[in-house]
Amino acid sequence: MPNFQTWRRRVTFLRSEEGSVRPLIGELGFIRDKPRWGFSFRRGLFEVPQADFEQIAHAMRANAERIRASGTAQPALGRHLEG
């Protein structure tokens, strides 16, 4: 039997609203293939550059000051982006 160990990441969920990803596609650096932008989100867990995260958070009306002050845990948005 393989030695399986779960992997978890500490996150701080920020209060946010649903937002649309379409207006952000051209600006987000982690989306390399803009016409096929949905493939970027098919990876299970991936790092989003801070600047991209702040753009997404702004589109979702999350508190940007809380993002910067989160410190020890990685910030995560409590809702999702819609296509």
C-alpha atoms as a PDB file:
ATOM      1  CA  MET A   1       0.000   0.000   0.000  1.00  0.00           C
ATOM      2  CA  PRO A   2       1.485   3.376  -0.973  1.00  0.00           C
ATOM      3  CA  ASN A   3       2.312   5.899   1.727  1.00  0.00           C
ATOM      4  CA  PHE A   4      -0.325   8.576   1.024  1.00  0.00           C
ATOM      5  CA  GLN A   5      -0.202  11.886   2.825  1.00  0.00           C
ATOM      6  CA  THR A   6      -2.774  14.638   2.375  1.00  0.00           C
ATOM      7  CA  TRP A   7      -1.588  18.108   1.458  1.00  0.00           C
ATOM      8  CA  ARG A   8      -3.295  21.203   2.784  1.00  0.00           C
ATOM      9  CA  ARG A   9      -2.728  24.912   2.449  1.00  0.00           C
ATOM     10  CA  ARG A  10      -3.641  27.458   5.115  1.00  0.00           C
ATOM     11  CA  VAL A  11      -5.855  30.139   3.614  1.00  0.00           C
ATOM     12  CA  THR A  12      -7.767  33.162   4.811  1.00  0.00           C
ATOM     13  CA  PHE A  13     -11.093  33.515   3.004  1.00  0.00           C
ATOM     14  CA  LEU A  14     -11.990  37.111   2.194  1.00  0.00           C
ATOM     15  CA  ARG A  15     -15.527  38.405   1.929  1.00  0.00           C
ATOM     16  CA  SER A  16     -16.236  38.968  -1.761  1.00  0.00           C
ATOM     17  CA  GLU A  17     -18.919  39.002  -4.438  1.00  0.00           C
ATOM     18  CA  GLU A  18     -19.188  36.981  -7.628  1.00  0.00           C
ATOM     19  CA  GLY A  19     -17.461  38.609 -10.546  1.00  0.00           C
ATOM     20  CA  SER A  20     -16.896  38.082 -14.254  1.00  0.00           C
ATOM     21  CA  VAL A  21     -13.531  36.886 -15.539  1.00  0.00           C
ATOM     22  CA  ARG A  22     -14.090  38.014 -19.139  1.00  0.00           C
ATOM     23  CA  PRO A  23     -13.110  41.684 -18.598  1.00  0.00           C
ATOM     24  CA  LEU A  24      -9.894  40.525 -16.874  1.00  0.00           C
ATOM     25  CA  ILE A  25      -8.642  37.955 -19.393  1.00  0.00           C
ATOM     26  CA  GLY A  26      -6.434  40.384 -21.332  1.00  0.00           C
ATOM     27  CA  GLU A  27      -4.815  41.716 -18.155  1.00  0.00           C
ATOM     28  CA  LEU A  28      -4.139  38.539 -16.152  1.00  0.00           C
ATOM     29  CA  GLY A  29      -0.558  37.358 -16.593  1.00  0.00           C
ATOM     30  CA  PHE A  30      -1.123  33.726 -15.587  1.00  0.00           C
ATOM     31  CA  ILE A  31      -3.505  33.262 -18.546  1.00  0.00           C
ATOM     32  CA  ARG A  32      -1.058  32.607 -21.376  1.00  0.00           C
ATOM     33  CA  ASP A  33      -3.503  31.478 -24.093  1.00  0.00           C
ATOM     34  CA  LYS A  34      -6.160  34.226 -24.029  1.00  0.00           C
ATOM     35  CA  PRO A  35      -8.603  32.601 -26.524  1.00  0.00           C
ATOM     36  CA  ARG A  36      -8.537  29.404 -24.426  1.00  0.00           C
ATOM     37  CA  TRP A  37      -8.483  31.146 -21.048  1.00  0.00           C
ATOM     38  CA  GLY A  38     -10.535  28.435 -19.329  1.00  0.00           C
ATOM     39  CA  PHE A  39      -7.650  25.955 -19.508  1.00  0.00           C
ATOM     40  CA  SER A  40      -5.709  28.052 -16.990  1.00  0.00           C
ATOM     41  CA  PHE A  41      -8.353  27.236 -14.373  1.00  0.00           C
ATOM     42  CA  ARG A  42      -8.386  23.478 -15.018  1.00  0.00           C
ATOM     43  CA  ARG A  43      -5.246  22.917 -12.997  1.00  0.00           C
ATOM     44  CA  GLY A  44      -6.143  21.866  -9.471  1.00  0.00           C
ATOM     45  CA  LEU A  45      -4.021  24.242  -7.444  1.00  0.00           C
ATOM     46  CA  PHE A  46      -1.802  26.899  -8.914  1.00  0.00           C
ATOM     47  CA  GLU A  47      -0.165  30.089  -7.765  1.00  0.00           C
ATOM     48  CA  VAL A  48      -1.651  33.367  -8.958  1.00  0.00           C
ATOM     49  CA  PRO A  49       0.808  36.289  -9.049  1.00  0.00           C
ATOM     50  CA  GLN A  50       0.030  38.971  -6.453  1.00  0.00           C
ATOM     51  CA  ALA A  51      -0.810  41.617  -9.081  1.00  0.00           C
ATOM     52  CA  ASP A  52      -3.277  39.252 -10.802  1.00  0.00           C
ATOM     53  CA  PHE A  53      -4.809  38.284  -7.464  1.00  0.00           C
ATOM     54  CA  GLU A  54      -5.352  41.932  -6.585  1.00  0.00           C
ATOM     55  CA  GLN A  55      -7.051  42.572  -9.955  1.00  0.00           C
ATOM     56  CA  ILE A  56      -9.365  39.605  -9.413  1.00  0.00           C
ATOM     57  CA  ALA A  57     -10.052  40.689  -5.827  1.00  0.00           C
ATOM     58  CA  HIS A  58     -10.914  44.206  -7.006  1.00  0.00           C
ATOM     59  CA  ALA A  59     -13.327  42.783  -9.602  1.00  0.00           C
ATOM     60  CA  MET A  60     -14.927  40.727  -6.821  1.00  0.00           C
ATOM     61  CA  ARG A  61     -15.078  43.719  -4.457  1.00  0.00           C
ATOM     62  CA  ALA A  62     -12.823  42.098  -1.857  1.00  0.00           C
ATOM     63  CA  ASN A  63     -11.030  44.248   0.714  1.00  0.00           C
ATOM     64  CA  ALA A  64      -7.544  44.864  -0.779  1.00  0.00           C
ATOM     65  CA  GLU A  65      -6.122  46.039   2.568  1.00  0.00           C
ATOM     66  CA  ARG A  66      -7.054  42.712   4.145  1.00  0.00           C
ATOM     67  CA  ILE A  67      -5.263  40.902   1.289  1.00  0.00           C
ATOM     68  CA  ARG A  68      -2.000  42.706   2.038  1.00  0.00           C
ATOM     69  CA  ALA A  69      -2.371  42.280   5.795  1.00  0.00           C
ATOM     70  CA  SER A  70      -3.187  38.565   5.722  1.00  0.00           C
ATOM     71  CA  GLY A  71       0.412  37.673   6.632  1.00  0.00           C
ATOM     72  CA  THR A  72       0.807  33.999   7.509  1.00  0.00           C
ATOM     73  CA  ALA A  73      -2.033  32.452   5.487  1.00  0.00           C
ATOM     74  CA  GLN A  74      -2.559  32.669   1.753  1.00  0.00           C
ATOM     75  CA  PRO A  75      -5.603  34.818   0.896  1.00  0.00           C
ATOM     76  CA  ALA A  76      -8.458  33.163  -0.967  1.00  0.00           C
ATOM     77  CA  LEU A  77     -11.666  34.609  -2.314  1.00  0.00           C
ATOM     78  CA  GLY A  78     -14.882  33.302  -0.799  1.00  0.00           C
ATOM     79  CA  ARG A  79     -16.883  33.292  -4.026  1.00  0.00           C
ATOM     80  CA  HIS A  80     -15.924  32.593  -7.613  1.00  0.00           C
ATOM     81  CA  LEU A  81     -15.434  34.197 -10.995  1.00  0.00           C
ATOM     82  CA  GLU A  82     -17.983  33.459 -13.667  1.00  0.00           C
ATOM     83  CA  GLY A  83     -17.180  33.176 -17.374  1.00  0.00           C
END
